Amino acid sequence: MENARSTDAFETSDARMDRLERMKFNKMKPPTFQGELEPLKAEAWILEIEKLFEVFPCSEEQKVLLATFTLQEKARMWWMLIRDQNTTMTSAQFKELKLGTMSVAKYEAKFTEFARYVPHMVDTDYKKARKFEGGLDVEVLDWINVLKLVKYVDVLDRALMTEANIATLKQVKTLVTEWKGKIQRLNFKKGRNNSNIS
C-alpha cells in the first residue's frame, strides 16, 4: 500500500514538474504554429523552438511535449491524430482509398480522416470532390459523373442518394423476380389442372 502511495506521489510530483517546466517555457514566449502549408513559416517555427531549447535545457521527451504545446489549430489537430494513432499516412495510401465494400457514409468518414494527413491533396473544394469521386465504385460513379458536380458536398450528397437508389432498385428487382417466379408456378399449376380436367 505504501508503494502505491509513493508511486502516486511520484507521478504527482512528475506532473507538477511538467507543469512548472511548461510555465517556465511559456514565460520565454515560444512561437506558435497554426499549421500553415507555407514551408518557410514551418521552418521559422522550428528554428525559433530550437533556439529556445538551446537556453532551456530539457530532455528530448520534454522538448517534444513543450514544442507540441505551442501547436494550434490545424497543427494541433494533426499532432493529436499522429499521437493517438501512431501511424503514418502517406500520399500513396490516400490515393489508394476506395469505396470497395464500405457504405458511402463509411467511405466519407475514412476519406475525411485520411485527408487530414495530406491536406495538400484536398486543399480546394474541386480537388476534394475529384479525389472523392475517384474512390467511388463504377456503379455509383456512373450516376454522378453525368452531373459534372464541382463541389465536394454536392458529390457526397449525390453519392449517398445514388447508393440509396441502387439499394432500392436491387430490392425491386428481387421482388419482381420473386413475383415472376410465383406467377410462372401458378400458371404451371393452372395448366396442369386444366389438362387433368379434359
C-alpha atoms as a PDB file:
ATOM      1  CA  MET A   1       0.000   0.000   0.000  1.00  0.00           C
ATOM      2  CA  GLU A   2       2.889   2.330   0.774  1.00  0.00           C
ATOM      3  CA  ASN A   3       4.332   1.560  -2.679  1.00  0.00           C
ATOM      4  CA  ALA A   4       1.044   2.629  -4.298  1.00  0.00           C
ATOM      5  CA  ARG A   5       1.059   5.864  -2.313  1.00  0.00           C
ATOM      6  CA  SER A   6       4.691   6.588  -3.133  1.00  0.00           C
ATOM      7  CA  THR A   7       4.039   5.848  -6.802  1.00  0.00           C
ATOM      8  CA  ASP A   8       1.059   8.246  -6.775  1.00  0.00           C
ATOM      9  CA  ALA A   9       3.187  10.847  -5.028  1.00  0.00           C
ATOM     10  CA  PHE A  10       5.957  10.294  -7.587  1.00  0.00           C
ATOM     11  CA  GLU A  11       3.515  10.655 -10.518  1.00  0.00           C
ATOM     12  CA  THR A  12       2.001  13.737  -8.940  1.00  0.00           C
ATOM     13  CA  SER A  13       5.476  15.123  -8.442  1.00  0.00           C
ATOM     14  CA  ASP A  14       6.287  14.415 -12.106  1.00  0.00           C
ATOM     15  CA  ALA A  15       3.074  16.103 -13.183  1.00  0.00           C
ATOM     16  CA  ARG A  16       3.964  19.123 -11.066  1.00  0.00           C
ATOM     17  CA  MET A  17       7.446  19.238 -12.586  1.00  0.00           C
ATOM     18  CA  ASP A  18       5.968  19.104 -16.094  1.00  0.00           C
ATOM     19  CA  ARG A  19       3.579  21.929 -15.236  1.00  0.00           C
ATOM     20  CA  LEU A  20       6.408  24.024 -13.779  1.00  0.00           C
ATOM     21  CA  GLU A  21       8.582  23.372 -16.845  1.00  0.00           C
ATOM     22  CA  ARG A  22       5.696  24.412 -19.103  1.00  0.00           C
ATOM     23  CA  MET A  23       5.181  27.598 -17.100  1.00  0.00           C
ATOM     24  CA  LYS A  24       8.906  28.464 -17.335  1.00  0.00           C
ATOM     25  CA  PHE A  25       8.862  27.663 -21.056  1.00  0.00           C
ATOM     26  CA  ASN A  26       5.776  29.852 -21.628  1.00  0.00           C
ATOM     27  CA  LYS A  27       7.498  32.785 -19.888  1.00  0.00           C
ATOM     28  CA  MET A  28      10.036  32.630 -22.711  1.00  0.00           C
ATOM     29  CA  LYS A  29       7.148  33.351 -25.120  1.00  0.00           C
ATOM     30  CA  PRO A  30       7.672  30.475 -27.559  1.00  0.00           C
ATOM     31  CA  PRO A  31       6.341  30.930 -31.098  1.00  0.00           C
ATOM     32  CA  THR A  32       3.107  29.190 -32.014  1.00  0.00           C
ATOM     33  CA  PHE A  33       2.424  27.272 -35.200  1.00  0.00           C
ATOM     34  CA  GLN A  34      -1.059  27.012 -36.734  1.00  0.00           C
ATOM     35  CA  GLY A  35      -0.195  24.502 -39.442  1.00  0.00           C
ATOM     36  CA  GLU A  36       0.184  26.698 -42.499  1.00  0.00           C
ATOM     37  CA  LEU A  37       1.204  24.957 -45.691  1.00  0.00           C
ATOM     38  CA  GLU A  38       3.942  27.505 -46.323  1.00  0.00           C
ATOM     39  CA  PRO A  39       7.291  25.763 -45.710  1.00  0.00           C
ATOM     40  CA  LEU A  40       9.035  28.995 -44.686  1.00  0.00           C
ATOM     41  CA  LYS A  41       6.645  29.519 -41.768  1.00  0.00           C
ATOM     42  CA  ALA A  42       7.145  25.945 -40.592  1.00  0.00           C
ATOM     43  CA  GLU A  43      10.916  26.290 -40.892  1.00  0.00           C
ATOM     44  CA  ALA A  44      10.859  29.589 -38.979  1.00  0.00           C
ATOM     45  CA  TRP A  45       8.845  27.976 -36.178  1.00  0.00           C
ATOM     46  CA  ILE A  46      11.283  25.057 -35.944  1.00  0.00           C
ATOM     47  CA  LEU A  47      14.297  27.390 -35.827  1.00  0.00           C
ATOM     48  CA  GLU A  48      12.727  29.513 -33.076  1.00  0.00           C
ATOM     49  CA  ILE A  49      11.789  26.463 -30.996  1.00  0.00           C
ATOM     50  CA  GLU A  50      15.305  25.028 -31.371  1.00  0.00           C
ATOM     51  CA  LYS A  51      16.761  28.384 -30.344  1.00  0.00           C
ATOM     52  CA  LEU A  52      14.681  28.320 -27.151  1.00  0.00           C
ATOM     53  CA  PHE A  53      15.823  24.791 -26.344  1.00  0.00           C
ATOM     54  CA  GLU A  54      19.452  25.957 -26.526  1.00  0.00           C
ATOM     55  CA  VAL A  55      18.873  28.124 -23.430  1.00  0.00           C
ATOM     56  CA  PHE A  56      16.191  25.943 -21.872  1.00  0.00           C
ATOM     57  CA  PRO A  57      17.854  22.586 -21.216  1.00  0.00           C
ATOM     58  CA  CYS A  58      15.500  19.626 -21.047  1.00  0.00           C
ATOM     59  CA  SER A  59      15.235  16.004 -22.154  1.00  0.00           C
ATOM     60  CA  GLU A  60      14.194  15.045 -25.695  1.00  0.00           C
ATOM     61  CA  GLU A  61      10.851  13.834 -24.360  1.00  0.00           C
ATOM     62  CA  GLN A  62      10.246  17.177 -22.647  1.00  0.00           C
ATOM     63  CA  LYS A  63      11.214  19.003 -25.850  1.00  0.00           C
ATOM     64  CA  VAL A  64       8.507  17.118 -27.725  1.00  0.00           C
ATOM     65  CA  LEU A  65       5.927  17.879 -25.040  1.00  0.00           C
ATOM     66  CA  LEU A  66       6.850  21.552 -24.866  1.00  0.00           C
ATOM     67  CA  ALA A  67       7.041  22.023 -28.642  1.00  0.00           C
ATOM     68  CA  THR A  68       3.681  20.338 -29.221  1.00  0.00           C
ATOM     69  CA  PHE A  69       2.209  22.591 -26.552  1.00  0.00           C
ATOM     70  CA  THR A  70       2.802  25.513 -28.962  1.00  0.00           C
ATOM     71  CA  LEU A  71       0.882  23.897 -31.811  1.00  0.00           C
ATOM     72  CA  GLN A  72      -2.506  25.421 -32.599  1.00  0.00           C
ATOM     73  CA  GLU A  73      -5.452  24.902 -34.957  1.00  0.00           C
ATOM     74  CA  LYS A  74      -4.597  22.558 -37.869  1.00  0.00           C
ATOM     75  CA  ALA A  75      -1.163  21.770 -36.477  1.00  0.00           C
ATOM     76  CA  ARG A  76      -2.702  20.755 -33.126  1.00  0.00           C
ATOM     77  CA  MET A  77      -5.295  18.545 -34.848  1.00  0.00           C
ATOM     78  CA  TRP A  78      -2.545  16.912 -36.892  1.00  0.00           C
ATOM     79  CA  TRP A  79      -0.446  16.244 -33.788  1.00  0.00           C
ATOM     80  CA  MET A  80      -3.390  14.747 -31.901  1.00  0.00           C
ATOM     81  CA  LEU A  81      -4.100  12.371 -34.778  1.00  0.00           C
ATOM     82  CA  ILE A  82      -0.471  11.323 -35.122  1.00  0.00           C
ATOM     83  CA  ARG A  83      -0.006  10.933 -31.385  1.00  0.00           C
ATOM     84  CA  ASP A  84      -3.223   8.965 -30.866  1.00  0.00           C
ATOM     85  CA  GLN A  85      -2.964   6.663 -33.845  1.00  0.00           C
ATOM     86  CA  ASN A  86       0.801   6.463 -34.101  1.00  0.00           C
ATOM     87  CA  THR A  87       0.550   5.692 -37.821  1.00  0.00           C
ATOM     88  CA  THR A  88       1.912   7.292 -40.921  1.00  0.00           C
ATOM     89  CA  MET A  89      -0.483   8.171 -43.691  1.00  0.00           C
ATOM     90  CA  THR A  90       1.261   8.667 -46.973  1.00  0.00           C
ATOM     91  CA  SER A  91       0.028  10.195 -50.196  1.00  0.00           C
ATOM     92  CA  ALA A  92       0.146   6.772 -51.828  1.00  0.00           C
ATOM     93  CA  GLN A  93      -2.168   5.262 -49.208  1.00  0.00           C
ATOM     94  CA  PHE A  94      -4.638   8.125 -49.579  1.00  0.00           C
ATOM     95  CA  LYS A  95      -4.582   7.741 -53.364  1.00  0.00           C
ATOM     96  CA  GLU A  96      -5.462   4.045 -52.981  1.00  0.00           C
ATOM     97  CA  LEU A  97      -8.507   4.686 -50.767  1.00  0.00           C
ATOM     98  CA  LYS A  98     -11.570   3.202 -52.477  1.00  0.00           C
ATOM     99  CA  LEU A  99     -15.214   2.654 -51.555  1.00  0.00           C
ATOM    100  CA  GLY A 100     -14.944  -1.106 -52.032  1.00  0.00           C
ATOM    101  CA  THR A 101     -17.419  -2.893 -49.769  1.00  0.00           C
ATOM    102  CA  MET A 102     -17.890   0.104 -47.463  1.00  0.00           C
ATOM    103  CA  SER A 103     -21.022   2.199 -47.477  1.00  0.00           C
ATOM    104  CA  VAL A 104     -20.670   5.711 -48.882  1.00  0.00           C
ATOM    105  CA  ALA A 105     -21.040   7.094 -45.337  1.00  0.00           C
ATOM    106  CA  LYS A 106     -18.156   4.935 -44.053  1.00  0.00           C
ATOM    107  CA  TYR A 107     -16.055   5.807 -47.101  1.00  0.00           C
ATOM    108  CA  GLU A 108     -16.684   9.508 -46.454  1.00  0.00           C
ATOM    109  CA  ALA A 109     -15.658   9.149 -42.791  1.00  0.00           C
ATOM    110  CA  LYS A 110     -12.432   7.371 -43.762  1.00  0.00           C
ATOM    111  CA  PHE A 111     -11.814   9.874 -46.571  1.00  0.00           C
ATOM    112  CA  THR A 112     -12.188  12.808 -44.158  1.00  0.00           C
ATOM    113  CA  GLU A 113      -9.940  11.137 -41.584  1.00  0.00           C
ATOM    114  CA  PHE A 114      -7.197  10.380 -44.125  1.00  0.00           C
ATOM    115  CA  ALA A 115      -7.459  13.804 -45.778  1.00  0.00           C
ATOM    116  CA  ARG A 116      -6.133  15.339 -42.567  1.00  0.00           C
ATOM    117  CA  TYR A 117      -2.783  13.664 -43.196  1.00  0.00           C
ATOM    118  CA  VAL A 118      -2.433  15.015 -46.726  1.00  0.00           C
ATOM    119  CA  PRO A 119      -4.180  18.399 -46.800  1.00  0.00           C
ATOM    120  CA  HIS A 120      -2.237  19.447 -49.904  1.00  0.00           C
ATOM    121  CA  MET A 121      -4.165  16.834 -51.915  1.00  0.00           C
ATOM    122  CA  VAL A 122      -7.575  18.244 -50.966  1.00  0.00           C
ATOM    123  CA  ASP A 123      -6.814  21.917 -50.352  1.00  0.00           C
ATOM    124  CA  THR A 124      -9.514  23.104 -52.775  1.00  0.00           C
ATOM    125  CA  ASP A 125     -13.132  22.023 -52.941  1.00  0.00           C
ATOM    126  CA  TYR A 126     -12.652  20.932 -56.557  1.00  0.00           C
ATOM    127  CA  LYS A 127      -9.642  18.705 -55.735  1.00  0.00           C
ATOM    128  CA  LYS A 128     -11.506  17.212 -52.789  1.00  0.00           C
ATOM    129  CA  ALA A 129     -14.540  16.432 -54.974  1.00  0.00           C
ATOM    130  CA  ARG A 130     -12.435  14.808 -57.711  1.00  0.00           C
ATOM    131  CA  LYS A 131     -10.471  12.702 -55.198  1.00  0.00           C
ATOM    132  CA  PHE A 132     -13.687  11.547 -53.510  1.00  0.00           C
ATOM    133  CA  GLU A 133     -15.219  10.661 -56.891  1.00  0.00           C
ATOM    134  CA  GLY A 134     -12.088   8.743 -57.816  1.00  0.00           C
ATOM    135  CA  GLY A 135     -12.635   6.335 -54.935  1.00  0.00           C
ATOM    136  CA  LEU A 136     -16.277   5.575 -55.706  1.00  0.00           C
ATOM    137  CA  ASP A 137     -17.408   2.315 -57.302  1.00  0.00           C
ATOM    138  CA  VAL A 138     -18.243   2.396 -61.012  1.00  0.00           C
ATOM    139  CA  GLU A 139     -21.889   1.672 -60.221  1.00  0.00           C
ATOM    140  CA  VAL A 140     -22.186   4.847 -58.110  1.00  0.00           C
ATOM    141  CA  LEU A 141     -19.752   6.894 -60.185  1.00  0.00           C
ATOM    142  CA  ASP A 142     -21.717   6.353 -63.414  1.00  0.00           C
ATOM    143  CA  TRP A 143     -24.728   8.105 -61.888  1.00  0.00           C
ATOM    144  CA  ILE A 144     -22.635  11.007 -60.545  1.00  0.00           C
ATOM    145  CA  ASN A 145     -20.260  11.699 -63.453  1.00  0.00           C
ATOM    146  CA  VAL A 146     -23.057  12.784 -65.771  1.00  0.00           C
ATOM    147  CA  LEU A 147     -23.907  15.606 -63.340  1.00  0.00           C
ATOM    148  CA  LYS A 148     -20.425  17.204 -63.562  1.00  0.00           C
ATOM    149  CA  LEU A 149     -20.587  18.374 -59.931  1.00  0.00           C
ATOM    150  CA  VAL A 150     -17.890  20.805 -58.828  1.00  0.00           C
ATOM    151  CA  LYS A 151     -18.391  20.981 -55.057  1.00  0.00           C
ATOM    152  CA  TYR A 152     -17.382  18.186 -52.689  1.00  0.00           C
ATOM    153  CA  VAL A 153     -20.570  18.494 -50.642  1.00  0.00           C
ATOM    154  CA  ASP A 154     -22.662  18.026 -53.815  1.00  0.00           C
ATOM    155  CA  VAL A 155     -20.673  14.940 -54.847  1.00  0.00           C
ATOM    156  CA  LEU A 156     -21.086  13.456 -51.368  1.00  0.00           C
ATOM    157  CA  ASP A 157     -24.815  14.234 -51.307  1.00  0.00           C
ATOM    158  CA  ARG A 158     -25.384  12.635 -54.726  1.00  0.00           C
ATOM    159  CA  ALA A 159     -23.251   9.615 -53.825  1.00  0.00           C
ATOM    160  CA  LEU A 160     -25.376   8.999 -50.724  1.00  0.00           C
ATOM    161  CA  MET A 161     -28.599   9.384 -52.723  1.00  0.00           C
ATOM    162  CA  THR A 162     -27.290   7.179 -55.525  1.00  0.00           C
ATOM    163  CA  GLU A 163     -26.319   4.449 -53.057  1.00  0.00           C
ATOM    164  CA  ALA A 164     -29.847   4.532 -51.611  1.00  0.00           C
ATOM    165  CA  ASN A 165     -31.372   4.449 -55.130  1.00  0.00           C
ATOM    166  CA  ILE A 166     -29.223   1.485 -56.144  1.00  0.00           C
ATOM    167  CA  ALA A 167     -30.222  -0.409 -52.995  1.00  0.00           C
ATOM    168  CA  THR A 168     -33.898   0.307 -53.723  1.00  0.00           C
ATOM    169  CA  LEU A 169     -33.539  -0.840 -57.344  1.00  0.00           C
ATOM    170  CA  LYS A 170     -31.914  -4.074 -56.201  1.00  0.00           C
ATOM    171  CA  GLN A 171     -34.798  -4.694 -53.773  1.00  0.00           C
ATOM    172  CA  VAL A 172     -37.358  -4.022 -56.502  1.00  0.00           C
ATOM    173  CA  LYS A 173     -35.570  -6.360 -58.929  1.00  0.00           C
ATOM    174  CA  THR A 174     -35.510  -9.071 -56.264  1.00  0.00           C
ATOM    175  CA  LEU A 175     -39.238  -8.623 -55.606  1.00  0.00           C
ATOM    176  CA  VAL A 176     -40.057  -8.638 -59.332  1.00  0.00           C
ATOM    177  CA  THR A 177     -38.000 -11.800 -59.847  1.00  0.00           C
ATOM    178  CA  GLU A 178     -39.756 -13.495 -56.931  1.00  0.00           C
ATOM    179  CA  TRP A 179     -43.146 -12.333 -58.222  1.00  0.00           C
ATOM    180  CA  LYS A 180     -42.424 -13.645 -61.752  1.00  0.00           C
ATOM    181  CA  GLY A 181     -41.409 -16.980 -60.276  1.00  0.00           C
ATOM    182  CA  LYS A 182     -44.665 -17.223 -58.312  1.00  0.00           C
ATOM    183  CA  ILE A 183     -46.726 -16.337 -61.416  1.00  0.00           C
ATOM    184  CA  GLN A 184     -44.912 -18.978 -63.508  1.00  0.00           C
ATOM    185  CA  ARG A 185     -45.554 -21.609 -60.828  1.00  0.00           C
ATOM    186  CA  LEU A 186     -49.185 -20.535 -60.589  1.00  0.00           C
ATOM    187  CA  ASN A 187     -49.611 -20.700 -64.397  1.00  0.00           C
ATOM    188  CA  PHE A 188     -47.907 -24.089 -64.479  1.00  0.00           C
ATOM    189  CA  LYS A 189     -50.292 -25.392 -61.821  1.00  0.00           C
ATOM    190  CA  LYS A 190     -53.287 -23.988 -63.684  1.00  0.00           C
ATOM    191  CA  GLY A 191     -52.133 -25.599 -66.931  1.00  0.00           C
ATOM    192  CA  ARG A 192     -51.647 -28.926 -65.152  1.00  0.00           C
ATOM    193  CA  ASN A 193     -55.043 -28.711 -63.551  1.00  0.00           C
ATOM    194  CA  ASN A 194     -56.702 -27.902 -66.892  1.00  0.00           C
ATOM    195  CA  SER A 195     -55.124 -30.903 -68.625  1.00  0.00           C
ATOM    196  CA  ASN A 196     -56.420 -33.223 -65.903  1.00  0.00           C
ATOM    197  CA  ILE A 197     -59.978 -31.954 -66.390  1.00  0.00           C
ATOM    198  CA  SER A 198     -60.150 -32.642 -70.139  1.00  0.00           C
END
